[in-house]
């Protein structure tokens, strides 16, 4: 029998790891509503609450300024574009306008980082205070 360790977030809710490696507690999402989920902190909606995002950052031992996008990839804002998150993964098809990497030099943001960018000043503003 496999027993999963329960992790308590800072709101006192038990959180579990989803398939992307992100934590979810099933509670109501805090912060402004986004158009990409059902308002619950859960793996079927893709978004997690700020308490579970804090667990994501802590468990991955990410430095200040980093968050985890809804696909489980660590992301941070570029020094050249300090208001836009990038994860650096090769997730975009190569074409004449980009190298296929989510980044500020030769690639646009991936969809997961676009979503994270929309949520950073609302839901996740207490985890990472941007410029």
Foldseek 3Di string as FASTA:
>chain_A
DDDDDWDAFPVRATWDQDPLRFTFRQDFAFWDDDPQADRTRDLVRLDHFQRRQLVLCVVVVHDAQWTAFSSGAIWGADPVGRLFIFRQDQCADDDPQAPRTPDDPRDHHDPRRVVVSVCCVIRNCVRHPTD
